[in-house]
């Protein structure tokens, strides 16, 4: 049992590291330096990757990052998270629309 928990923790740490490593390139690509920060969406991970409901903080952050969604969708590191059925359900609950085409 402990090995499974360690794998999950390791996967989460790897995801966070990937987010940090790619966030600079996404920010530059969007042309919105400080505005697009996928790491800022980390409070939404429990709702996107699990069955938790999105928090108010998550919804606020999704709304603030909405202009960045096309950049995130074009990035292979982020697309599985932003384009997943759970992410779309979370966005809908928050009143945010994830584009289907960019």
Protein backbone atom coordinates (compact mmCIF):
# COMPACT_ATOMS: atom_id res chain seq x y z
CA UNK A 1 0.00 0.00 0.00
CA UNK A 2 2.75 2.44 0.87
CA UNK A 3 4.38 2.04 -2.56
CA UNK A 4 1.18 3.14 -4.29
CA UNK A 5 1.03 6.27 -2.12
CA UNK A 6 4.67 6.98 -2.89
CA UNK A 7 4.02 6.62 -6.62
CA UNK A 8 1.10 9.05 -6.41
CA UNK A 9 3.23 11.54 -4.47
CA UNK A 10 6.06 11.17 -6.96
CA UNK A 11 3.67 11.69 -9.87
CA UNK A 12 2.26 14.83 -8.26
CA UNK A 13 5.74 16.22 -7.62
CA UNK A 14 6.70 15.46 -11.23
CA UNK A 15 3.58 17.26 -12.45
CA UNK A 16 4.36 20.32 -10.36
CA UNK A 17 7.97 20.36 -11.59
CA UNK A 18 6.76 20.06 -15.19
CA UNK A 19 4.32 22.91 -14.61
CA UNK A 20 7.04 25.13 -13.23
CA UNK A 21 9.45 24.24 -16.03
CA UNK A 22 6.93 24.94 -18.77
CA UNK A 23 5.14 27.93 -17.24
CA UNK A 24 7.78 30.37 -18.45
CA UNK A 25 7.45 29.22 -22.06
CA UNK A 26 3.66 29.33 -21.88
CA UNK A 27 3.73 32.84 -20.42
CA UNK A 28 6.02 34.07 -23.16
CA UNK A 29 4.04 32.31 -25.87
CA UNK A 30 0.82 33.89 -24.65
CA UNK A 31 2.46 37.30 -24.60
CA UNK A 32 1.02 37.93 -21.18
CA UNK A 33 4.12 37.52 -18.99
CA UNK A 34 2.60 37.36 -15.51
CA UNK A 35 -0.96 36.52 -16.60
CA UNK A 36 -0.60 32.91 -17.72
CA UNK A 37 0.65 30.71 -14.94
CA UNK A 38 -0.49 27.09 -15.08
CA UNK A 39 1.07 26.45 -11.67
CA UNK A 40 -1.49 28.86 -10.25
CA UNK A 41 -4.17 26.31 -11.14
CA UNK A 42 -2.75 23.73 -8.73
CA UNK A 43 -5.62 24.31 -6.24
CA UNK A 44 -7.87 22.83 -8.96
CA UNK A 45 -5.95 19.54 -9.20
CA UNK A 46 -8.08 17.69 -6.59
CA UNK A 47 -11.23 18.53 -8.55
CA UNK A 48 -9.70 17.83 -11.97
CA UNK A 49 -7.90 14.60 -11.10
CA UNK A 50 -10.39 13.29 -8.55
CA UNK A 51 -13.98 13.67 -7.53
CA UNK A 52 -13.72 16.76 -5.31
CA UNK A 53 -15.88 19.78 -6.09
CA UNK A 54 -14.00 22.88 -7.19
CA UNK A 55 -13.33 25.41 -4.46
CA UNK A 56 -14.06 29.11 -4.79
CA UNK A 57 -10.31 29.66 -5.10
CA UNK A 58 -10.14 27.15 -7.95
CA UNK A 59 -13.03 28.87 -9.77
CA UNK A 60 -11.48 32.31 -9.28
CA UNK A 61 -8.18 31.06 -10.67
CA UNK A 62 -9.85 29.35 -13.63
CA UNK A 63 -11.62 32.61 -14.51
CA UNK A 64 -8.34 34.54 -14.28
CA UNK A 65 -6.56 32.00 -16.51
CA UNK A 66 -9.35 31.66 -19.09
CA UNK A 67 -7.48 33.76 -21.74
CA UNK A 68 -4.61 31.26 -21.48
CA UNK A 69 -6.57 28.08 -22.19
CA UNK A 70 -5.64 27.91 -25.89
CA UNK A 71 -1.95 28.09 -24.99
CA UNK A 72 -2.42 25.38 -22.39
CA UNK A 73 -4.32 23.21 -24.88
CA UNK A 74 -1.49 23.50 -27.39
CA UNK A 75 1.05 22.36 -24.79
CA UNK A 76 1.33 18.55 -24.51
CA UNK A 77 2.24 18.83 -20.82
CA UNK A 78 -1.02 20.60 -19.95
CA UNK A 79 -3.52 19.41 -22.56
CA UNK A 80 -4.43 16.16 -20.74
CA UNK A 81 -5.41 18.17 -17.67
CA UNK A 82 -7.25 21.07 -19.31
CA UNK A 83 -8.94 18.91 -21.98
CA UNK A 84 -10.09 16.06 -19.75
CA UNK A 85 -13.77 15.40 -19.05
CA UNK A 86 -13.17 16.22 -15.36
CA UNK A 87 -11.52 19.55 -16.23
CA UNK A 88 -14.44 20.46 -18.46
CA UNK A 89 -16.90 19.52 -15.69
CA UNK A 90 -14.98 21.62 -13.17
CA UNK A 91 -14.90 24.55 -15.59
CA UNK A 92 -18.65 24.24 -16.17
CA UNK A 93 -19.28 24.23 -12.40
CA UNK A 94 -17.18 27.40 -12.19
CA UNK A 95 -18.98 29.08 -15.09
CA UNK A 96 -15.86 29.00 -17.27
CA UNK A 97 -15.73 27.67 -20.81
CA UNK A 98 -12.76 25.71 -22.09
CA UNK A 99 -12.58 26.21 -25.86
CA UNK A 100 -13.03 23.21 -28.12
CA UNK A 101 -11.12 24.93 -30.94
CA UNK A 102 -8.42 27.56 -30.76
